[in-house]
Amino acid sequence: MSQRGLRFFRNWIAANVDLTFSYPYGTKRAQMLATACRFDATASQIGIQEIEDETGDLEDALTRVLETRNPVI
């Protein structure tokens, strides 16, 4: 289990996702955010699997975040 992956994901959401805004096309937005998150994780030398071990599929996790406006997975 990687707390590092989960910590990166939560910090990334805090820095990149405005949870006060309603996203009418959550799935499409989640796809775009997942791409950006993957890029940033790779740049930070954090493997996507390390994040997904804690969150499940990254796109699905971001969709849940957008739908619930809750960054805690």
PDB file of N, CA and C in Angstrom:
ATOM      1  N   MET A   1       0.837  -1.172   0.000  1.00  0.00           N
ATOM      2  CA  MET A   1       0.000   0.000   0.000  1.00  0.00           C
ATOM      3  C   MET A   1       0.888   1.243   0.000  1.00  0.00           C
ATOM      4  N   SER A   2       0.526   2.221  -0.813  1.00  0.00           N
ATOM      5  CA  SER A   2       1.348   3.413  -0.936  1.00  0.00           C
ATOM      6  C   SER A   2       0.610   4.657  -0.465  1.00  0.00           C
ATOM      7  N   GLN A   3       0.953   5.097   0.697  1.00  0.00           N
ATOM      8  CA  GLN A   3       0.387   6.356   1.178  1.00  0.00           C
ATOM      9  C   GLN A   3       0.930   7.514   0.361  1.00  0.00           C
ATOM     10  N   ARG A   4       2.116   7.320  -0.223  1.00  0.00           N
ATOM     11  CA  ARG A   4       2.713   8.356  -1.058  1.00  0.00           C
ATOM     12  C   ARG A   4       1.839   8.644  -2.270  1.00  0.00           C
ATOM     13  N   GLY A   5       1.291   7.596  -2.894  1.00  0.00           N
ATOM     14  CA  GLY A   5       0.405   7.768  -4.039  1.00  0.00           C
ATOM     15  C   GLY A   5      -0.879   8.492  -3.667  1.00  0.00           C
ATOM     16  N   LEU A   6      -1.459   8.127  -2.548  1.00  0.00           N
ATOM     17  CA  LEU A   6      -2.695   8.768  -2.091  1.00  0.00           C
ATOM     18  C   LEU A   6      -2.435  10.224  -1.696  1.00  0.00           C
ATOM     19  N   ARG A   7      -1.317  10.461  -1.040  1.00  0.00           N
ATOM     20  CA  ARG A   7      -0.955  11.831  -0.651  1.00  0.00           C
ATOM     21  C   ARG A   7      -0.765  12.704  -1.902  1.00  0.00           C
ATOM     22  N   PHE A   8      -0.089  12.151  -2.920  1.00  0.00           N
ATOM     23  CA  PHE A   8       0.095  12.898  -4.163  1.00  0.00           C
ATOM     24  C   PHE A   8      -1.266  13.226  -4.779  1.00  0.00           C
ATOM     25  N   PHE A   9      -2.153  12.234  -4.844  1.00  0.00           N
ATOM     26  CA  PHE A   9      -3.480  12.420  -5.449  1.00  0.00           C
ATOM     27  C   PHE A   9      -4.258  13.519  -4.725  1.00  0.00           C
ATOM     28  N   ARG A  10      -4.307  13.464  -3.416  1.00  0.00           N
ATOM     29  CA  ARG A  10      -5.049  14.475  -2.646  1.00  0.00           C
ATOM     30  C   ARG A  10      -4.442  15.866  -2.809  1.00  0.00           C
ATOM     31  N   ASN A  11      -3.129  15.937  -2.768  1.00  0.00           N
ATOM     32  CA  ASN A  11      -2.471  17.237  -2.963  1.00  0.00           C
ATOM     33  C   ASN A  11      -2.682  17.754  -4.382  1.00  0.00           C
ATOM     34  N   TRP A  12      -2.665  16.866  -5.345  1.00  0.00           N
ATOM     35  CA  TRP A  12      -2.864  17.250  -6.738  1.00  0.00           C
ATOM     36  C   TRP A  12      -4.274  17.804  -6.930  1.00  0.00           C
ATOM     37  N   ILE A  13      -5.259  17.149  -6.344  1.00  0.00           N
ATOM     38  CA  ILE A  13      -6.637  17.647  -6.425  1.00  0.00           C
ATOM     39  C   ILE A  13      -6.727  19.045  -5.809  1.00  0.00           C
ATOM     40  N   ALA A  14      -6.143  19.215  -4.637  1.00  0.00           N
ATOM     41  CA  ALA A  14      -6.192  20.511  -3.960  1.00  0.00           C
ATOM     42  C   ALA A  14      -5.587  21.618  -4.818  1.00  0.00           C
ATOM     43  N   ALA A  15      -4.561  21.293  -5.563  1.00  0.00           N
ATOM     44  CA  ALA A  15      -3.875  22.293  -6.380  1.00  0.00           C
ATOM     45  C   ALA A  15      -4.505  22.501  -7.749  1.00  0.00           C
ATOM     46  N   ASN A  16      -5.271  21.506  -8.237  1.00  0.00           N
ATOM     47  CA  ASN A  16      -5.706  21.546  -9.637  1.00  0.00           C
ATOM     48  C   ASN A  16      -7.201  21.477  -9.893  1.00  0.00           C
ATOM     49  N   VAL A  17      -7.997  21.205  -8.864  1.00  0.00           N
ATOM     50  CA  VAL A  17      -9.430  21.034  -9.070  1.00  0.00           C
ATOM     51  C   VAL A  17     -10.191  21.983  -8.147  1.00  0.00           C
ATOM     52  N   ASP A  18     -11.021  22.816  -8.745  1.00  0.00           N
ATOM     53  CA  ASP A  18     -11.862  23.739  -7.971  1.00  0.00           C
ATOM     54  C   ASP A  18     -13.148  23.004  -7.592  1.00  0.00           C
ATOM     55  N   LEU A  19     -13.222  22.573  -6.338  1.00  0.00           N
ATOM     56  CA  LEU A  19     -14.372  21.782  -5.904  1.00  0.00           C
ATOM     57  C   LEU A  19     -15.590  22.636  -5.572  1.00  0.00           C
ATOM     58  N   THR A  20     -15.454  23.939  -5.686  1.00  0.00           N
ATOM     59  CA  THR A  20     -16.614  24.802  -5.465  1.00  0.00           C
ATOM     60  C   THR A  20     -17.408  24.976  -6.756  1.00  0.00           C
ATOM     61  N   PHE A  21     -16.855  24.517  -7.863  1.00  0.00           N
ATOM     62  CA  PHE A  21     -17.485  24.657  -9.170  1.00  0.00           C
ATOM     63  C   PHE A  21     -18.176  23.355  -9.548  1.00  0.00           C
ATOM     64  N   SER A  22     -19.339  23.459 -10.147  1.00  0.00           N
ATOM     65  CA  SER A  22     -20.059  22.271 -10.618  1.00  0.00           C
ATOM     66  C   SER A  22     -19.608  21.944 -12.034  1.00  0.00           C
ATOM     67  N   TYR A  23     -19.219  20.716 -12.261  1.00  0.00           N
ATOM     68  CA  TYR A  23     -18.757  20.281 -13.578  1.00  0.00           C
ATOM     69  C   TYR A  23     -19.872  19.507 -14.273  1.00  0.00           C
ATOM     70  N   PRO A  24     -20.584  20.124 -15.210  1.00  0.00           N
ATOM     71  CA  PRO A  24     -21.716  19.458 -15.843  1.00  0.00           C
ATOM     72  C   PRO A  24     -21.318  18.247 -16.692  1.00  0.00           C
ATOM     73  N   TYR A  25     -20.114  18.238 -17.179  1.00  0.00           N
ATOM     74  CA  TYR A  25     -19.646  17.114 -17.990  1.00  0.00           C
ATOM     75  C   TYR A  25     -18.520  16.423 -17.226  1.00  0.00           C
ATOM     76  N   GLY A  26     -18.856  15.906 -16.064  1.00  0.00           N
ATOM     77  CA  GLY A  26     -17.871  15.347 -15.151  1.00  0.00           C
ATOM     78  C   GLY A  26     -16.977  14.292 -15.742  1.00  0.00           C
ATOM     79  N   THR A  27     -17.528  13.380 -16.537  1.00  0.00           N
ATOM     80  CA  THR A  27     -16.724  12.296 -17.092  1.00  0.00           C
ATOM     81  C   THR A  27     -15.682  12.829 -18.058  1.00  0.00           C
ATOM     82  N   LYS A  28     -16.061  13.737 -18.921  1.00  0.00           N
ATOM     83  CA  LYS A  28     -15.117  14.326 -19.875  1.00  0.00           C
ATOM     84  C   LYS A  28     -14.051  15.113 -19.121  1.00  0.00           C
ATOM     85  N   ARG A  29     -14.466  15.875 -18.133  1.00  0.00           N
ATOM     86  CA  ARG A  29     -13.521  16.652 -17.326  1.00  0.00           C
ATOM     87  C   ARG A  29     -12.590  15.705 -16.573  1.00  0.00           C
ATOM     88  N   ALA A  30     -13.116  14.612 -16.063  1.00  0.00           N
ATOM     89  CA  ALA A  30     -12.298  13.636 -15.342  1.00  0.00           C
ATOM     90  C   ALA A  30     -11.237  13.043 -16.257  1.00  0.00           C
ATOM     91  N   GLN A  31     -11.577  12.798 -17.519  1.00  0.00           N
ATOM     92  CA  GLN A  31     -10.596  12.278 -18.472  1.00  0.00           C
ATOM     93  C   GLN A  31      -9.449  13.263 -18.653  1.00  0.00           C
ATOM     94  N   MET A  32      -9.791  14.534 -18.797  1.00  0.00           N
ATOM     95  CA  MET A  32      -8.769  15.565 -18.975  1.00  0.00           C
ATOM     96  C   MET A  32      -7.906  15.693 -17.719  1.00  0.00           C
ATOM     97  N   LEU A  33      -8.544  15.668 -16.567  1.00  0.00           N
ATOM     98  CA  LEU A  33      -7.805  15.762 -15.311  1.00  0.00           C
ATOM     99  C   LEU A  33      -6.906  14.544 -15.099  1.00  0.00           C
ATOM    100  N   ALA A  34      -7.394  13.361 -15.461  1.00  0.00           N
ATOM    101  CA  ALA A  34      -6.599  12.141 -15.309  1.00  0.00           C
ATOM    102  C   ALA A  34      -5.335  12.219 -16.158  1.00  0.00           C
ATOM    103  N   THR A  35      -5.456  12.744 -17.361  1.00  0.00           N
ATOM    104  CA  THR A  35      -4.286  12.904 -18.227  1.00  0.00           C
ATOM    105  C   THR A  35      -3.271  13.840 -17.581  1.00  0.00           C
ATOM    106  N   ALA A  36      -3.751  14.964 -17.059  1.00  0.00           N
ATOM    107  CA  ALA A  36      -2.863  15.923 -16.405  1.00  0.00           C
ATOM    108  C   ALA A  36      -2.240  15.328 -15.140  1.00  0.00           C
ATOM    109  N   CYS A  37      -3.033  14.600 -14.370  1.00  0.00           N
ATOM    110  CA  CYS A  37      -2.536  13.988 -13.148  1.00  0.00           C
ATOM    111  C   CYS A  37      -1.464  12.944 -13.466  1.00  0.00           C
ATOM    112  N   ARG A  38      -1.692  12.137 -14.484  1.00  0.00           N
ATOM    113  CA  ARG A  38      -0.692  11.134 -14.898  1.00  0.00           C
ATOM    114  C   ARG A  38       0.625  11.812 -15.276  1.00  0.00           C
ATOM    115  N   PHE A  39       0.524  12.886 -16.033  1.00  0.00           N
ATOM    116  CA  PHE A  39       1.707  13.625 -16.461  1.00  0.00           C
ATOM    117  C   PHE A  39       2.468  14.151 -15.242  1.00  0.00           C
ATOM    118  N   ASP A  40       1.749  14.797 -14.332  1.00  0.00           N
ATOM    119  CA  ASP A  40       2.383  15.373 -13.146  1.00  0.00           C
ATOM    120  C   ASP A  40       2.965  14.293 -12.228  1.00  0.00           C
ATOM    121  N   ALA A  41       2.263  13.174 -12.101  1.00  0.00           N
ATOM    122  CA  ALA A  41       2.772  12.081 -11.268  1.00  0.00           C
ATOM    123  C   ALA A  41       4.071  11.532 -11.861  1.00  0.00           C
ATOM    124  N   THR A  42       4.079  11.336 -13.160  1.00  0.00           N
ATOM    125  CA  THR A  42       5.280  10.832 -13.819  1.00  0.00           C
ATOM    126  C   THR A  42       6.437  11.814 -13.639  1.00  0.00           C
ATOM    127  N   ALA A  43       6.148  13.099 -13.792  1.00  0.00           N
ATOM    128  CA  ALA A  43       7.182  14.130 -13.598  1.00  0.00           C
ATOM    129  C   ALA A  43       7.702  14.131 -12.168  1.00  0.00           C
ATOM    130  N   SER A  44       6.860  13.730 -11.228  1.00  0.00           N
ATOM    131  CA  SER A  44       7.245  13.670  -9.813  1.00  0.00           C
ATOM    132  C   SER A  44       7.797  12.302  -9.425  1.00  0.00           C
ATOM    133  N   GLN A  45       7.982  11.443 -10.417  1.00  0.00           N
ATOM    134  CA  GLN A  45       8.505  10.083 -10.225  1.00  0.00           C
ATOM    135  C   GLN A  45       7.620   9.233  -9.320  1.00  0.00           C
ATOM    136  N   ILE A  46       6.315   9.415  -9.501  1.00  0.00           N
ATOM    137  CA  ILE A  46       5.337   8.588  -8.805  1.00  0.00           C
ATOM    138  C   ILE A  46       4.597   7.783  -9.863  1.00  0.00           C
ATOM    139  N   GLY A  47       4.615   6.483  -9.722  1.00  0.00           N
ATOM    140  CA  GLY A  47       3.959   5.627 -10.692  1.00  0.00           C
ATOM    141  C   GLY A  47       2.440   5.698 -10.574  1.00  0.00           C
ATOM    142  N   ILE A  48       1.776   5.618 -11.704  1.00  0.00           N
ATOM    143  CA  ILE A  48       0.314   5.653 -11.720  1.00  0.00           C
ATOM    144  C   ILE A  48      -0.241   4.493 -10.889  1.00  0.00           C
ATOM    145  N   GLN A  49       0.408   3.345 -10.977  1.00  0.00           N
ATOM    146  CA  GLN A  49      -0.065   2.188 -10.213  1.00  0.00           C
ATOM    147  C   GLN A  49      -0.030   2.472  -8.718  1.00  0.00           C
ATOM    148  N   GLU A  50       0.939   3.253  -8.299  1.00  0.00           N
ATOM    149  CA  GLU A  50       1.048   3.626  -6.893  1.00  0.00           C
ATOM    150  C   GLU A  50      -0.187   4.425  -6.440  1.00  0.00           C
ATOM    151  N   ILE A  51      -0.687   5.275  -7.316  1.00  0.00           N
ATOM    152  CA  ILE A  51      -1.897   6.048  -7.022  1.00  0.00           C
ATOM    153  C   ILE A  51      -3.123   5.152  -7.102  1.00  0.00           C
ATOM    154  N   GLU A  52      -3.211   4.375  -8.183  1.00  0.00           N
ATOM    155  CA  GLU A  52      -4.399   3.547  -8.404  1.00  0.00           C
ATOM    156  C   GLU A  52      -4.525   2.408  -7.395  1.00  0.00           C
ATOM    157  N   ASP A  53      -3.422   2.015  -6.767  1.00  0.00           N
ATOM    158  CA  ASP A  53      -3.515   1.012  -5.704  1.00  0.00           C
ATOM    159  C   ASP A  53      -4.386   1.532  -4.560  1.00  0.00           C
ATOM    160  N   GLU A  54      -4.398   2.834  -4.375  1.00  0.00           N
ATOM    161  CA  GLU A  54      -5.167   3.452  -3.296  1.00  0.00           C
ATOM    162  C   GLU A  54      -6.534   3.972  -3.740  1.00  0.00           C
ATOM    163  N   THR A  55      -6.630   4.438  -4.989  1.00  0.00           N
ATOM    164  CA  THR A  55      -7.849   5.110  -5.445  1.00  0.00           C
ATOM    165  C   THR A  55      -8.704   4.276  -6.377  1.00  0.00           C
ATOM    166  N   GLY A  56      -8.158   3.186  -6.889  1.00  0.00           N
ATOM    167  CA  GLY A  56      -8.814   2.490  -7.985  1.00  0.00           C
ATOM    168  C   GLY A  56      -8.484   3.237  -9.272  1.00  0.00           C
ATOM    169  N   ASP A  57      -9.214   2.950 -10.326  1.00  0.00           N
ATOM    170  CA  ASP A  57      -8.968   3.598 -11.612  1.00  0.00           C
ATOM    171  C   ASP A  57      -8.951   5.116 -11.442  1.00  0.00           C
ATOM    172  N   LEU A  58      -7.922   5.755 -11.982  1.00  0.00           N
ATOM    173  CA  LEU A  58      -7.736   7.191 -11.783  1.00  0.00           C
ATOM    174  C   LEU A  58      -8.901   8.009 -12.328  1.00  0.00           C
ATOM    175  N   GLU A  59      -9.367   7.684 -13.517  1.00  0.00           N
ATOM    176  CA  GLU A  59     -10.512   8.412 -14.084  1.00  0.00           C
ATOM    177  C   GLU A  59     -11.758   8.244 -13.236  1.00  0.00           C
ATOM    178  N   ASP A  60     -12.000   7.037 -12.782  1.00  0.00           N
ATOM    179  CA  ASP A  60     -13.164   6.789 -11.925  1.00  0.00           C
ATOM    180  C   ASP A  60     -13.049   7.568 -10.619  1.00  0.00           C
ATOM    181  N   ALA A  61     -11.858   7.602 -10.056  1.00  0.00           N
ATOM    182  CA  ALA A  61     -11.652   8.338  -8.807  1.00  0.00           C
ATOM    183  C   ALA A  61     -11.904   9.827  -9.015  1.00  0.00           C
ATOM    184  N   LEU A  62     -11.418  10.361 -10.119  1.00  0.00           N
ATOM    185  CA  LEU A  62     -11.633  11.784 -10.392  1.00  0.00           C
ATOM    186  C   LEU A  62     -13.098  12.074 -10.690  1.00  0.00           C
ATOM    187  N   THR A  63     -13.788  11.158 -11.341  1.00  0.00           N
ATOM    188  CA  THR A  63     -15.223  11.329 -11.571  1.00  0.00           C
ATOM    189  C   THR A  63     -15.957  11.394 -10.242  1.00  0.00           C
ATOM    190  N   ARG A  64     -15.606  10.509  -9.300  1.00  0.00           N
ATOM    191  CA  ARG A  64     -16.230  10.533  -7.969  1.00  0.00           C
ATOM    192  C   ARG A  64     -15.951  11.854  -7.258  1.00  0.00           C
ATOM    193  N   VAL A  65     -14.721  12.329  -7.366  1.00  0.00           N
ATOM    194  CA  VAL A  65     -14.367  13.601  -6.742  1.00  0.00           C
ATOM    195  C   VAL A  65     -15.220  14.721  -7.318  1.00  0.00           C
ATOM    196  N   LEU A  66     -15.350  14.769  -8.628  1.00  0.00           N
ATOM    197  CA  LEU A  66     -16.139  15.824  -9.281  1.00  0.00           C
ATOM    198  C   LEU A  66     -17.619  15.715  -8.919  1.00  0.00           C
ATOM    199  N   GLU A  67     -18.138  14.507  -8.886  1.00  0.00           N
ATOM    200  CA  GLU A  67     -19.559  14.312  -8.599  1.00  0.00           C
ATOM    201  C   GLU A  67     -19.907  14.649  -7.154  1.00  0.00           C
ATOM    202  N   THR A  68     -19.030  14.314  -6.237  1.00  0.00           N
ATOM    203  CA  THR A  68     -19.331  14.526  -4.822  1.00  0.00           C
ATOM    204  C   THR A  68     -18.726  15.808  -4.275  1.00  0.00           C
ATOM    205  N   ARG A  69     -17.838  16.403  -5.064  1.00  0.00           N
ATOM    206  CA  ARG A  69     -17.074  17.593  -4.629  1.00  0.00           C
ATOM    207  C   ARG A  69     -16.333  17.306  -3.340  1.00  0.00           C
ATOM    208  N   ASN A  70     -15.870  16.081  -3.208  1.00  0.00           N
ATOM    209  CA  ASN A  70     -15.166  15.644  -2.010  1.00  0.00           C
ATOM    210  C   ASN A  70     -13.818  15.053  -2.411  1.00  0.00           C
ATOM    211  N   PRO A  71     -12.708  15.669  -2.007  1.00  0.00           N
ATOM    212  CA  PRO A  71     -11.401  15.183  -2.422  1.00  0.00           C
ATOM    213  C   PRO A  71     -10.917  13.952  -1.672  1.00  0.00           C
ATOM    214  N   VAL A  72     -11.670  13.511  -0.670  1.00  0.00           N
ATOM    215  CA  VAL A  72     -11.226  12.372   0.123  1.00  0.00           C
ATOM    216  C   VAL A  72     -11.746  11.082  -0.508  1.00  0.00           C
ATOM    217  N   ILE A  73     -10.841  10.283  -0.945  1.00  0.00           N
ATOM    218  CA  ILE A  73     -11.189   8.993  -1.565  1.00  0.00           C
ATOM    219  C   ILE A  73     -10.999   7.903  -0.531  1.00  0.00           C
TER     220      ILE A  73
END
